[in-house]
Protein backbone atom coordinates (compact mmCIF):
# COMPACT_ATOMS: atom_id res chain seq x y z
CA UNK A 1 0.00 0.00 0.00
CA UNK A 2 1.18 3.53 -0.71
CA UNK A 3 2.51 5.25 2.40
CA UNK A 4 2.32 8.93 1.44
CA UNK A 5 0.44 11.24 -0.92
CA UNK A 6 3.05 11.06 -3.68
CA UNK A 7 2.97 7.26 -3.67
CA UNK A 8 -0.85 7.33 -3.74
CA UNK A 9 -0.82 9.61 -6.80
CA UNK A 10 1.67 7.36 -8.63
CA UNK A 11 -0.31 4.26 -7.69
CA UNK A 12 -3.51 5.95 -8.92
CA UNK A 13 -1.79 6.95 -12.17
CA UNK A 14 -0.61 3.40 -12.86
CA UNK A 15 -4.00 1.96 -11.99
CA UNK A 16 -5.84 4.40 -14.24
CA UNK A 17 -3.47 3.92 -17.18
CA UNK A 18 -4.15 0.19 -17.15
CA UNK A 19 -7.87 0.27 -16.45
CA UNK A 20 -8.86 3.07 -18.83
CA UNK A 21 -7.20 1.47 -21.83
CA UNK A 22 -8.64 -1.88 -20.88
CA UNK A 23 -12.15 -0.49 -20.47
CA UNK A 24 -12.20 1.60 -23.65
CA UNK A 25 -10.84 -1.12 -25.88
CA UNK A 26 -12.94 -3.82 -24.22
CA UNK A 27 -16.13 -1.84 -24.71
CA UNK A 28 -15.30 -0.96 -28.31
CA UNK A 29 -13.80 -4.20 -29.56
CA UNK A 30 -15.36 -6.97 -27.49
CA UNK A 31 -18.79 -5.63 -26.60
CA UNK A 32 -19.63 -3.48 -29.63
CA UNK A 33 -17.13 -4.62 -32.25
CA UNK A 34 -19.29 -7.04 -34.18
CA UNK A 35 -22.25 -4.66 -34.22
CA UNK A 36 -20.07 -1.78 -35.44
CA UNK A 37 -18.68 -3.92 -38.25
CA UNK A 38 -22.17 -5.07 -39.28
CA UNK A 39 -23.58 -1.55 -39.31
CA UNK A 40 -20.75 -0.01 -41.31
CA UNK A 41 -19.80 -3.04 -43.40
CA UNK A 42 -16.14 -2.66 -42.43
CA UNK A 43 -13.63 -5.51 -42.18
CA UNK A 44 -12.26 -4.47 -38.79
CA UNK A 45 -13.48 -2.68 -35.69
CA UNK A 46 -11.02 0.14 -36.22
CA UNK A 47 -12.26 0.52 -39.79
CA UNK A 48 -15.84 0.61 -38.53
CA UNK A 49 -14.99 3.32 -36.01
CA UNK A 50 -13.26 5.34 -38.73
CA UNK A 51 -16.24 4.84 -41.07
CA UNK A 52 -18.70 6.21 -38.53
CA UNK A 53 -16.43 9.14 -37.70
CA UNK A 54 -15.29 8.12 -34.23
CA UNK A 55 -16.92 7.12 -30.96
CA UNK A 56 -20.09 8.78 -29.68
CA UNK A 57 -19.40 10.78 -26.52
CA UNK A 58 -20.85 14.02 -25.15
CA UNK A 59 -23.38 14.27 -27.98
CA UNK A 60 -20.83 14.10 -30.79
CA UNK A 61 -18.38 11.77 -32.45
CA UNK A 62 -14.85 11.84 -31.01
CA UNK A 63 -11.71 10.01 -32.13
CA UNK A 64 -10.59 7.11 -29.95
CA UNK A 65 -7.61 9.03 -28.55
CA UNK A 66 -9.95 11.78 -27.31
CA UNK A 67 -12.19 9.22 -25.62
CA UNK A 68 -9.16 7.70 -23.88
CA UNK A 69 -7.99 11.13 -22.67
CA UNK A 70 -11.44 12.09 -21.34
CA UNK A 71 -11.88 8.73 -19.61
CA UNK A 72 -8.36 9.00 -18.20
CA UNK A 73 -9.01 12.45 -16.70
CA UNK A 74 -12.28 11.40 -15.10
CA UNK A 75 -10.87 8.12 -13.81
CA UNK A 76 -7.74 9.75 -12.35
CA UNK A 77 -9.78 12.42 -10.60
CA UNK A 78 -12.15 9.84 -9.13
CA UNK A 79 -9.29 7.56 -8.12
CA UNK A 80 -7.49 10.40 -6.32
CA UNK A 81 -10.58 11.89 -4.70
CA UNK A 82 -12.58 8.78 -3.87
CA UNK A 83 -10.69 5.55 -4.57
CA UNK A 84 -7.46 6.07 -2.65
CA UNK A 85 -9.02 7.62 0.47
CA UNK A 86 -11.72 4.95 0.63
CA UNK A 87 -9.25 2.11 0.17
CA UNK A 88 -7.16 3.47 3.02
CA UNK A 89 -10.22 3.71 5.25
CA UNK A 90 -11.27 0.17 4.38
CA UNK A 91 -7.76 -1.13 4.96
CA UNK A 92 -7.53 0.60 8.34
CA UNK A 93 -10.95 -0.74 9.31
CA UNK A 94 -9.94 -4.31 8.45
CA UNK A 95 -6.71 -4.00 10.41
CA UNK A 96 -8.58 -2.71 13.45
CA UNK A 97 -11.19 -5.49 13.28
CA UNK A 98 -8.59 -8.25 12.94
PDB file of N, CA and C in Angstrom:
ATOM      1  N   UNK A   1       0.843  -1.189   0.000  1.00  0.00           N
ATOM      2  CA  UNK A   1       0.000   0.000   0.000  1.00  0.00           C
ATOM      3  C   UNK A   1       0.880   1.241   0.000  1.00  0.00           C
ATOM      4  N   UNK A   2       0.436   2.272  -0.712  1.00  0.00           N
ATOM      5  CA  UNK A   2       1.180   3.528  -0.705  1.00  0.00           C
ATOM      6  C   UNK A   2       1.215   4.136   0.700  1.00  0.00           C
ATOM      7  N   UNK A   3       2.338   4.736   1.044  1.00  0.00           N
ATOM      8  CA  UNK A   3       2.510   5.254   2.398  1.00  0.00           C
ATOM      9  C   UNK A   3       2.388   6.768   2.503  1.00  0.00           C
ATOM     10  N   UNK A   4       2.470   7.479   1.392  1.00  0.00           N
ATOM     11  CA  UNK A   4       2.315   8.932   1.441  1.00  0.00           C
ATOM     12  C   UNK A   4       1.537   9.401   0.213  1.00  0.00           C
ATOM     13  N   UNK A   5       1.277  10.697   0.157  1.00  0.00           N
ATOM     14  CA  UNK A   5       0.441  11.244  -0.916  1.00  0.00           C
ATOM     15  C   UNK A   5       1.078  11.046  -2.293  1.00  0.00           C
ATOM     16  N   UNK A   6       2.372  11.238  -2.397  1.00  0.00           N
ATOM     17  CA  UNK A   6       3.051  11.057  -3.678  1.00  0.00           C
ATOM     18  C   UNK A   6       2.912   9.620  -4.172  1.00  0.00           C
ATOM     19  N   UNK A   7       3.111   8.669  -3.291  1.00  0.00           N
ATOM     20  CA  UNK A   7       2.966   7.264  -3.675  1.00  0.00           C
ATOM     21  C   UNK A   7       1.529   6.945  -4.069  1.00  0.00           C
ATOM     22  N   UNK A   8       0.557   7.540  -3.382  1.00  0.00           N
ATOM     23  CA  UNK A   8      -0.849   7.327  -3.741  1.00  0.00           C
ATOM     24  C   UNK A   8      -1.148   7.861  -5.138  1.00  0.00           C
ATOM     25  N   UNK A   9      -0.583   9.025  -5.473  1.00  0.00           N
ATOM     26  CA  UNK A   9      -0.815   9.606  -6.801  1.00  0.00           C
ATOM     27  C   UNK A   9      -0.185   8.738  -7.898  1.00  0.00           C
ATOM     28  N   UNK A  10       1.013   8.235  -7.646  1.00  0.00           N
ATOM     29  CA  UNK A  10       1.673   7.365  -8.625  1.00  0.00           C
ATOM     30  C   UNK A  10       0.902   6.053  -8.770  1.00  0.00           C
ATOM     31  N   UNK A  11       0.477   5.487  -7.658  1.00  0.00           N
ATOM     32  CA  UNK A  11      -0.314   4.261  -7.694  1.00  0.00           C
ATOM     33  C   UNK A  11      -1.616   4.488  -8.461  1.00  0.00           C
ATOM     34  N   UNK A  12      -2.271   5.617  -8.212  1.00  0.00           N
ATOM     35  CA  UNK A  12      -3.507   5.950  -8.925  1.00  0.00           C
ATOM     36  C   UNK A  12      -3.238   6.107 -10.414  1.00  0.00           C
ATOM     37  N   UNK A  13      -2.138   6.753 -10.762  1.00  0.00           N
ATOM     38  CA  UNK A  13      -1.786   6.946 -12.167  1.00  0.00           C
ATOM     39  C   UNK A  13      -1.589   5.605 -12.872  1.00  0.00           C
ATOM     40  N   UNK A  14      -0.839   4.718 -12.258  1.00  0.00           N
ATOM     41  CA  UNK A  14      -0.607   3.403 -12.862  1.00  0.00           C
ATOM     42  C   UNK A  14      -1.901   2.609 -12.989  1.00  0.00           C
ATOM     43  N   UNK A  15      -2.719   2.671 -11.965  1.00  0.00           N
ATOM     44  CA  UNK A  15      -3.999   1.965 -11.994  1.00  0.00           C
ATOM     45  C   UNK A  15      -4.887   2.484 -13.112  1.00  0.00           C
ATOM     46  N   UNK A  16      -4.965   3.794 -13.233  1.00  0.00           N
ATOM     47  CA  UNK A  16      -5.838   4.398 -14.239  1.00  0.00           C
ATOM     48  C   UNK A  16      -5.322   4.136 -15.651  1.00  0.00           C
ATOM     49  N   UNK A  17      -4.018   4.191 -15.849  1.00  0.00           N
ATOM     50  CA  UNK A  17      -3.466   3.919 -17.181  1.00  0.00           C
ATOM     51  C   UNK A  17      -3.887   2.529 -17.647  1.00  0.00           C
ATOM     52  N   UNK A  18      -3.796   1.562 -16.777  1.00  0.00           N
ATOM     53  CA  UNK A  18      -4.146   0.191 -17.150  1.00  0.00           C
ATOM     54  C   UNK A  18      -5.650   0.032 -17.339  1.00  0.00           C
ATOM     55  N   UNK A  19      -6.436   0.519 -16.397  1.00  0.00           N
ATOM     56  CA  UNK A  19      -7.874   0.265 -16.449  1.00  0.00           C
ATOM     57  C   UNK A  19      -8.587   1.049 -17.542  1.00  0.00           C
ATOM     58  N   UNK A  20      -8.182   2.274 -17.803  1.00  0.00           N
ATOM     59  CA  UNK A  20      -8.862   3.066 -18.834  1.00  0.00           C
ATOM     60  C   UNK A  20      -8.659   2.448 -20.207  1.00  0.00           C
ATOM     61  N   UNK A  21      -7.434   2.099 -20.529  1.00  0.00           N
ATOM     62  CA  UNK A  21      -7.200   1.472 -21.829  1.00  0.00           C
ATOM     63  C   UNK A  21      -7.952   0.152 -21.932  1.00  0.00           C
ATOM     64  N   UNK A  22      -7.912  -0.619 -20.871  1.00  0.00           N
ATOM     65  CA  UNK A  22      -8.642  -1.883 -20.876  1.00  0.00           C
ATOM     66  C   UNK A  22     -10.130  -1.684 -21.075  1.00  0.00           C
ATOM     67  N   UNK A  23     -10.707  -0.724 -20.368  1.00  0.00           N
ATOM     68  CA  UNK A  23     -12.146  -0.487 -20.467  1.00  0.00           C
ATOM     69  C   UNK A  23     -12.536   0.020 -21.854  1.00  0.00           C
ATOM     70  N   UNK A  24     -11.833   1.013 -22.355  1.00  0.00           N
ATOM     71  CA  UNK A  24     -12.196   1.601 -23.651  1.00  0.00           C
ATOM     72  C   UNK A  24     -12.094   0.556 -24.758  1.00  0.00           C
ATOM     73  N   UNK A  25     -10.995  -0.154 -24.805  1.00  0.00           N
ATOM     74  CA  UNK A  25     -10.836  -1.120 -25.878  1.00  0.00           C
ATOM     75  C   UNK A  25     -11.729  -2.341 -25.692  1.00  0.00           C
ATOM     76  N   UNK A  26     -12.001  -2.729 -24.453  1.00  0.00           N
ATOM     77  CA  UNK A  26     -12.938  -3.825 -24.224  1.00  0.00           C
ATOM     78  C   UNK A  26     -14.331  -3.430 -24.703  1.00  0.00           C
ATOM     79  N   UNK A  27     -14.778  -2.241 -24.336  1.00  0.00           N
ATOM     80  CA  UNK A  27     -16.132  -1.840 -24.714  1.00  0.00           C
ATOM     81  C   UNK A  27     -16.269  -1.646 -26.217  1.00  0.00           C
ATOM     82  N   UNK A  28     -15.214  -1.168 -26.866  1.00  0.00           N
ATOM     83  CA  UNK A  28     -15.302  -0.958 -28.313  1.00  0.00           C
ATOM     84  C   UNK A  28     -15.128  -2.250 -29.097  1.00  0.00           C
ATOM     85  N   UNK A  29     -14.130  -3.024 -28.751  1.00  0.00           N
ATOM     86  CA  UNK A  29     -13.800  -4.197 -29.555  1.00  0.00           C
ATOM     87  C   UNK A  29     -14.618  -5.422 -29.182  1.00  0.00           C
ATOM     88  N   UNK A  30     -14.708  -5.724 -27.902  1.00  0.00           N
ATOM     89  CA  UNK A  30     -15.356  -6.968 -27.492  1.00  0.00           C
ATOM     90  C   UNK A  30     -16.873  -6.818 -27.443  1.00  0.00           C
ATOM     91  N   UNK A  31     -17.353  -5.775 -26.792  1.00  0.00           N
ATOM     92  CA  UNK A  31     -18.792  -5.629 -26.597  1.00  0.00           C
ATOM     93  C   UNK A  31     -19.488  -5.135 -27.865  1.00  0.00           C
ATOM     94  N   UNK A  32     -18.942  -4.101 -28.493  1.00  0.00           N
ATOM     95  CA  UNK A  32     -19.629  -3.477 -29.628  1.00  0.00           C
ATOM     96  C   UNK A  32     -18.974  -3.726 -30.976  1.00  0.00           C
ATOM     97  N   UNK A  33     -17.882  -4.452 -31.015  1.00  0.00           N
ATOM     98  CA  UNK A  33     -17.125  -4.618 -32.249  1.00  0.00           C
ATOM     99  C   UNK A  33     -17.905  -5.244 -33.389  1.00  0.00           C
ATOM    100  N   UNK A  34     -18.561  -6.344 -33.121  1.00  0.00           N
ATOM    101  CA  UNK A  34     -19.294  -7.042 -34.182  1.00  0.00           C
ATOM    102  C   UNK A  34     -20.436  -6.180 -34.713  1.00  0.00           C
ATOM    103  N   UNK A  35     -21.142  -5.523 -33.812  1.00  0.00           N
ATOM    104  CA  UNK A  35     -22.246  -4.655 -34.221  1.00  0.00           C
ATOM    105  C   UNK A  35     -21.743  -3.489 -35.069  1.00  0.00           C
ATOM    106  N   UNK A  36     -20.639  -2.883 -34.657  1.00  0.00           N
ATOM    107  CA  UNK A  36     -20.073  -1.777 -35.436  1.00  0.00           C
ATOM    108  C   UNK A  36     -19.685  -2.232 -36.837  1.00  0.00           C
ATOM    109  N   UNK A  37     -19.079  -3.412 -36.932  1.00  0.00           N
ATOM    110  CA  UNK A  37     -18.676  -3.915 -38.251  1.00  0.00           C
ATOM    111  C   UNK A  37     -19.890  -4.238 -39.116  1.00  0.00           C
ATOM    112  N   UNK A  38     -20.961  -4.767 -38.510  1.00  0.00           N
ATOM    113  CA  UNK A  38     -22.169  -5.075 -39.278  1.00  0.00           C
ATOM    114  C   UNK A  38     -22.847  -3.806 -39.779  1.00  0.00           C
ATOM    115  N   UNK A  39     -22.907  -2.793 -38.934  1.00  0.00           N
ATOM    116  CA  UNK A  39     -23.585  -1.545 -39.310  1.00  0.00           C
ATOM    117  C   UNK A  39     -22.844  -0.831 -40.434  1.00  0.00           C
ATOM    118  N   UNK A  40     -21.523  -0.765 -40.324  1.00  0.00           N
ATOM    119  CA  UNK A  40     -20.750  -0.005 -41.314  1.00  0.00           C
ATOM    120  C   UNK A  40     -20.267  -0.846 -42.483  1.00  0.00           C
ATOM    121  N   UNK A  41     -20.285  -2.166 -42.344  1.00  0.00           N
ATOM    122  CA  UNK A  41     -19.796  -3.039 -43.400  1.00  0.00           C
ATOM    123  C   UNK A  41     -18.277  -3.070 -43.495  1.00  0.00           C
ATOM    124  N   UNK A  42     -17.607  -2.688 -42.435  1.00  0.00           N
ATOM    125  CA  UNK A  42     -16.145  -2.659 -42.426  1.00  0.00           C
ATOM    126  C   UNK A  42     -15.587  -4.042 -42.103  1.00  0.00           C
ATOM    127  N   UNK A  43     -14.302  -4.231 -42.439  1.00  0.00           N
ATOM    128  CA  UNK A  43     -13.633  -5.506 -42.182  1.00  0.00           C
ATOM    129  C   UNK A  43     -13.066  -5.603 -40.774  1.00  0.00           C
ATOM    130  N   UNK A  44     -12.836  -4.464 -40.135  1.00  0.00           N
ATOM    131  CA  UNK A  44     -12.262  -4.467 -38.787  1.00  0.00           C
ATOM    132  C   UNK A  44     -13.007  -3.462 -37.914  1.00  0.00           C
ATOM    133  N   UNK A  45     -12.820  -3.603 -36.626  1.00  0.00           N
ATOM    134  CA  UNK A  45     -13.479  -2.683 -35.694  1.00  0.00           C
ATOM    135  C   UNK A  45     -12.922  -1.274 -35.867  1.00  0.00           C
ATOM    136  N   UNK A  46     -11.623  -1.172 -36.024  1.00  0.00           N
ATOM    137  CA  UNK A  46     -11.017   0.145 -36.221  1.00  0.00           C
ATOM    138  C   UNK A  46     -11.525   0.795 -37.505  1.00  0.00           C
ATOM    139  N   UNK A  47     -11.687   0.004 -38.548  1.00  0.00           N
ATOM    140  CA  UNK A  47     -12.255   0.519 -39.791  1.00  0.00           C
ATOM    141  C   UNK A  47     -13.694   0.967 -39.611  1.00  0.00           C
ATOM    142  N   UNK A  48     -14.449   0.232 -38.798  1.00  0.00           N
ATOM    143  CA  UNK A  48     -15.837   0.608 -38.527  1.00  0.00           C
ATOM    144  C   UNK A  48     -15.910   1.915 -37.749  1.00  0.00           C
ATOM    145  N   UNK A  49     -15.011   2.081 -36.794  1.00  0.00           N
ATOM    146  CA  UNK A  49     -14.989   3.324 -36.013  1.00  0.00           C
ATOM    147  C   UNK A  49     -14.606   4.497 -36.909  1.00  0.00           C
ATOM    148  N   UNK A  50     -13.640   4.285 -37.781  1.00  0.00           N
ATOM    149  CA  UNK A  50     -13.263   5.344 -38.731  1.00  0.00           C
ATOM    150  C   UNK A  50     -14.423   5.671 -39.670  1.00  0.00           C
ATOM    151  N   UNK A  51     -15.138   4.634 -40.132  1.00  0.00           N
ATOM    152  CA  UNK A  51     -16.243   4.843 -41.068  1.00  0.00           C
ATOM    153  C   UNK A  51     -17.377   5.648 -40.447  1.00  0.00           C
ATOM    154  N   UNK A  52     -17.614   5.453 -39.161  1.00  0.00           N
ATOM    155  CA  UNK A  52     -18.698   6.210 -38.529  1.00  0.00           C
ATOM    156  C   UNK A  52     -18.222   7.547 -37.979  1.00  0.00           C
ATOM    157  N   UNK A  53     -16.942   7.829 -38.095  1.00  0.00           N
ATOM    158  CA  UNK A  53     -16.431   9.139 -37.701  1.00  0.00           C
ATOM    159  C   UNK A  53     -15.966   9.230 -36.267  1.00  0.00           C
ATOM    160  N   UNK A  54     -15.780   8.115 -35.598  1.00  0.00           N
ATOM    161  CA  UNK A  54     -15.288   8.123 -34.225  1.00  0.00           C
ATOM    162  C   UNK A  54     -16.221   7.386 -33.286  1.00  0.00           C
ATOM    163  N   UNK A  55     -16.117   7.744 -32.019  1.00  0.00           N
ATOM    164  CA  UNK A  55     -16.916   7.123 -30.962  1.00  0.00           C
ATOM    165  C   UNK A  55     -17.847   8.189 -30.394  1.00  0.00           C
ATOM    166  N   UNK A  56     -19.100   7.826 -30.181  1.00  0.00           N
ATOM    167  CA  UNK A  56     -20.089   8.777 -29.682  1.00  0.00           C
ATOM    168  C   UNK A  56     -19.846   9.077 -28.209  1.00  0.00           C
ATOM    169  N   UNK A  57     -19.618  10.354 -27.902  1.00  0.00           N
ATOM    170  CA  UNK A  57     -19.405  10.777 -26.520  1.00  0.00           C
ATOM    171  C   UNK A  57     -19.747  12.258 -26.422  1.00  0.00           C
ATOM    172  N   UNK A  58     -20.452  12.631 -25.386  1.00  0.00           N
ATOM    173  CA  UNK A  58     -20.851  14.023 -25.147  1.00  0.00           C
ATOM    174  C   UNK A  58     -21.668  14.602 -26.301  1.00  0.00           C
ATOM    175  N   UNK A  59     -22.492  13.787 -26.927  1.00  0.00           N
ATOM    176  CA  UNK A  59     -23.377  14.270 -27.980  1.00  0.00           C
ATOM    177  C   UNK A  59     -22.722  14.474 -29.327  1.00  0.00           C
ATOM    178  N   UNK A  60     -21.514  13.977 -29.501  1.00  0.00           N
ATOM    179  CA  UNK A  60     -20.830  14.096 -30.790  1.00  0.00           C
ATOM    180  C   UNK A  60     -19.860  12.944 -30.969  1.00  0.00           C
ATOM    181  N   UNK A  61     -19.341  12.824 -32.157  1.00  0.00           N
ATOM    182  CA  UNK A  61     -18.375  11.767 -32.447  1.00  0.00           C
ATOM    183  C   UNK A  61     -16.965  12.269 -32.151  1.00  0.00           C
ATOM    184  N   UNK A  62     -16.228  11.503 -31.365  1.00  0.00           N
ATOM    185  CA  UNK A  62     -14.853  11.843 -31.011  1.00  0.00           C
ATOM    186  C   UNK A  62     -13.919  10.728 -31.470  1.00  0.00           C
ATOM    187  N   UNK A  63     -12.678  11.069 -31.809  1.00  0.00           N
ATOM    188  CA  UNK A  63     -11.714  10.007 -32.127  1.00  0.00           C
ATOM    189  C   UNK A  63     -11.381   9.189 -30.879  1.00  0.00           C
ATOM    190  N   UNK A  64     -10.871   7.998 -31.080  1.00  0.00           N
ATOM    191  CA  UNK A  64     -10.588   7.106 -29.954  1.00  0.00           C
ATOM    192  C   UNK A  64      -9.621   7.748 -28.965  1.00  0.00           C
ATOM    193  N   UNK A  65      -8.596   8.433 -29.463  1.00  0.00           N
ATOM    194  CA  UNK A  65      -7.614   9.031 -28.553  1.00  0.00           C
ATOM    195  C   UNK A  65      -8.268  10.063 -27.645  1.00  0.00           C
ATOM    196  N   UNK A  66      -9.262  10.791 -28.144  1.00  0.00           N
ATOM    197  CA  UNK A  66      -9.952  11.781 -27.311  1.00  0.00           C
ATOM    198  C   UNK A  66     -10.790  11.090 -26.235  1.00  0.00           C
ATOM    199  N   UNK A  67     -11.406   9.977 -26.592  1.00  0.00           N
ATOM    200  CA  UNK A  67     -12.189   9.215 -25.616  1.00  0.00           C
ATOM    201  C   UNK A  67     -11.278   8.698 -24.505  1.00  0.00           C
ATOM    202  N   UNK A  68     -10.109   8.197 -24.876  1.00  0.00           N
ATOM    203  CA  UNK A  68      -9.164   7.695 -23.877  1.00  0.00           C
ATOM    204  C   UNK A  68      -8.717   8.829 -22.950  1.00  0.00           C
ATOM    205  N   UNK A  69      -8.432   9.998 -23.497  1.00  0.00           N
ATOM    206  CA  UNK A  69      -7.993  11.128 -22.666  1.00  0.00           C
ATOM    207  C   UNK A  69      -9.096  11.577 -21.711  1.00  0.00           C
ATOM    208  N   UNK A  70     -10.323  11.682 -22.201  1.00  0.00           N
ATOM    209  CA  UNK A  70     -11.444  12.089 -21.345  1.00  0.00           C
ATOM    210  C   UNK A  70     -11.665  11.059 -20.240  1.00  0.00           C
ATOM    211  N   UNK A  71     -11.697   9.787 -20.607  1.00  0.00           N
ATOM    212  CA  UNK A  71     -11.880   8.730 -19.611  1.00  0.00           C
ATOM    213  C   UNK A  71     -10.734   8.731 -18.600  1.00  0.00           C
ATOM    214  N   UNK A  72      -9.522   8.967 -19.076  1.00  0.00           N
ATOM    215  CA  UNK A  72      -8.362   8.998 -18.195  1.00  0.00           C
ATOM    216  C   UNK A  72      -8.491  10.123 -17.168  1.00  0.00           C
ATOM    217  N   UNK A  73      -8.872  11.307 -17.617  1.00  0.00           N
ATOM    218  CA  UNK A  73      -9.006  12.450 -16.698  1.00  0.00           C
ATOM    219  C   UNK A  73     -10.072  12.189 -15.636  1.00  0.00           C
ATOM    220  N   UNK A  74     -11.223  11.700 -16.066  1.00  0.00           N
ATOM    221  CA  UNK A  74     -12.285  11.399 -15.102  1.00  0.00           C
ATOM    222  C   UNK A  74     -11.865  10.296 -14.130  1.00  0.00           C
ATOM    223  N   UNK A  75     -11.265   9.249 -14.655  1.00  0.00           N
ATOM    224  CA  UNK A  75     -10.872   8.123 -13.805  1.00  0.00           C
ATOM    225  C   UNK A  75      -9.784   8.524 -12.815  1.00  0.00           C
ATOM    226  N   UNK A  76      -8.823   9.325 -13.255  1.00  0.00           N
ATOM    227  CA  UNK A  76      -7.744   9.748 -12.353  1.00  0.00           C
ATOM    228  C   UNK A  76      -8.292  10.642 -11.246  1.00  0.00           C
ATOM    229  N   UNK A  77      -9.182  11.552 -11.614  1.00  0.00           N
ATOM    230  CA  UNK A  77      -9.784  12.423 -10.596  1.00  0.00           C
ATOM    231  C   UNK A  77     -10.572  11.603  -9.576  1.00  0.00           C
ATOM    232  N   UNK A  78     -11.370  10.667 -10.053  1.00  0.00           N
ATOM    233  CA  UNK A  78     -12.146   9.841  -9.130  1.00  0.00           C
ATOM    234  C   UNK A  78     -11.250   8.945  -8.278  1.00  0.00           C
ATOM    235  N   UNK A  79     -10.206   8.417  -8.877  1.00  0.00           N
ATOM    236  CA  UNK A  79      -9.289   7.565  -8.118  1.00  0.00           C
ATOM    237  C   UNK A  79      -8.600   8.360  -7.012  1.00  0.00           C
ATOM    238  N   UNK A  80      -8.181   9.574  -7.323  1.00  0.00           N
ATOM    239  CA  UNK A  80      -7.488  10.397  -6.321  1.00  0.00           C
ATOM    240  C   UNK A  80      -8.437  10.911  -5.246  1.00  0.00           C
ATOM    241  N   UNK A  81      -9.645  11.284  -5.644  1.00  0.00           N
ATOM    242  CA  UNK A  81     -10.580  11.891  -4.699  1.00  0.00           C
ATOM    243  C   UNK A  81     -11.394  10.874  -3.906  1.00  0.00           C
ATOM    244  N   UNK A  82     -11.703   9.747  -4.521  1.00  0.00           N
ATOM    245  CA  UNK A  82     -12.575   8.775  -3.865  1.00  0.00           C
ATOM    246  C   UNK A  82     -11.873   7.443  -3.623  1.00  0.00           C
ATOM    247  N   UNK A  83     -11.249   6.902  -4.653  1.00  0.00           N
ATOM    248  CA  UNK A  83     -10.694   5.552  -4.568  1.00  0.00           C
ATOM    249  C   UNK A  83      -9.608   5.384  -3.531  1.00  0.00           C
ATOM    250  N   UNK A  84      -8.580   6.207  -3.598  1.00  0.00           N
ATOM    251  CA  UNK A  84      -7.465   6.072  -2.655  1.00  0.00           C
ATOM    252  C   UNK A  84      -7.882   6.325  -1.215  1.00  0.00           C
ATOM    253  N   UNK A  85      -8.606   7.416  -0.928  1.00  0.00           N
ATOM    254  CA  UNK A  85      -9.017   7.622   0.465  1.00  0.00           C
ATOM    255  C   UNK A  85      -9.916   6.508   1.002  1.00  0.00           C
ATOM    256  N   UNK A  86     -10.824   6.014   0.163  1.00  0.00           N
ATOM    257  CA  UNK A  86     -11.722   4.954   0.626  1.00  0.00           C
ATOM    258  C   UNK A  86     -10.968   3.644   0.844  1.00  0.00           C
ATOM    259  N   UNK A  87     -10.005   3.348  -0.015  1.00  0.00           N
ATOM    260  CA  UNK A  87      -9.246   2.108   0.165  1.00  0.00           C
ATOM    261  C   UNK A  87      -8.428   2.163   1.447  1.00  0.00           C
ATOM    262  N   UNK A  88      -7.901   3.341   1.766  1.00  0.00           N
ATOM    263  CA  UNK A  88      -7.157   3.472   3.016  1.00  0.00           C
ATOM    264  C   UNK A  88      -8.075   3.297   4.221  1.00  0.00           C
ATOM    265  N   UNK A  89      -9.272   3.865   4.151  1.00  0.00           N
ATOM    266  CA  UNK A  89     -10.222   3.708   5.253  1.00  0.00           C
ATOM    267  C   UNK A  89     -10.638   2.251   5.417  1.00  0.00           C
ATOM    268  N   UNK A  90     -10.878   1.576   4.301  1.00  0.00           N
ATOM    269  CA  UNK A  90     -11.273   0.172   4.377  1.00  0.00           C
ATOM    270  C   UNK A  90     -10.131  -0.683   4.909  1.00  0.00           C
ATOM    271  N   UNK A  91      -8.919  -0.374   4.494  1.00  0.00           N
ATOM    272  CA  UNK A  91      -7.757  -1.126   4.962  1.00  0.00           C
ATOM    273  C   UNK A  91      -7.566  -0.920   6.461  1.00  0.00           C
ATOM    274  N   UNK A  92      -7.678   0.315   6.916  1.00  0.00           N
ATOM    275  CA  UNK A  92      -7.530   0.596   8.343  1.00  0.00           C
ATOM    276  C   UNK A  92      -8.623  -0.089   9.152  1.00  0.00           C
ATOM    277  N   UNK A  93      -9.837  -0.110   8.616  1.00  0.00           N
ATOM    278  CA  UNK A  93     -10.952  -0.743   9.314  1.00  0.00           C
ATOM    279  C   UNK A  93     -10.717  -2.245   9.451  1.00  0.00           C
ATOM    280  N   UNK A  94     -10.210  -2.880   8.388  1.00  0.00           N
ATOM    281  CA  UNK A  94      -9.945  -4.312   8.446  1.00  0.00           C
ATOM    282  C   UNK A  94      -8.823  -4.623   9.429  1.00  0.00           C
ATOM    283  N   UNK A  95      -7.823  -3.780   9.489  1.00  0.00           N
ATOM    284  CA  UNK A  95      -6.713  -3.999  10.413  1.00  0.00           C
ATOM    285  C   UNK A  95      -7.196  -3.876  11.849  1.00  0.00           C
ATOM    286  N   UNK A  96      -8.067  -2.906  12.102  1.00  0.00           N
ATOM    287  CA  UNK A  96      -8.585  -2.705  13.454  1.00  0.00           C
ATOM    288  C   UNK A  96      -9.458  -3.882  13.879  1.00  0.00           C
ATOM    289  N   UNK A  97     -10.282  -4.398  12.950  1.00  0.00           N
ATOM    290  CA  UNK A  97     -11.187  -5.494  13.283  1.00  0.00           C
ATOM    291  C   UNK A  97     -10.449  -6.807  13.492  1.00  0.00           C
ATOM    292  N   UNK A  98      -9.336  -6.994  12.840  1.00  0.00           N
ATOM    293  CA  UNK A  98      -8.590  -8.252  12.944  1.00  0.00           C
ATOM    294  C   UNK A  98      -7.803  -8.237  14.192  1.00  0.00           C
TER     295      UNK A  98
END
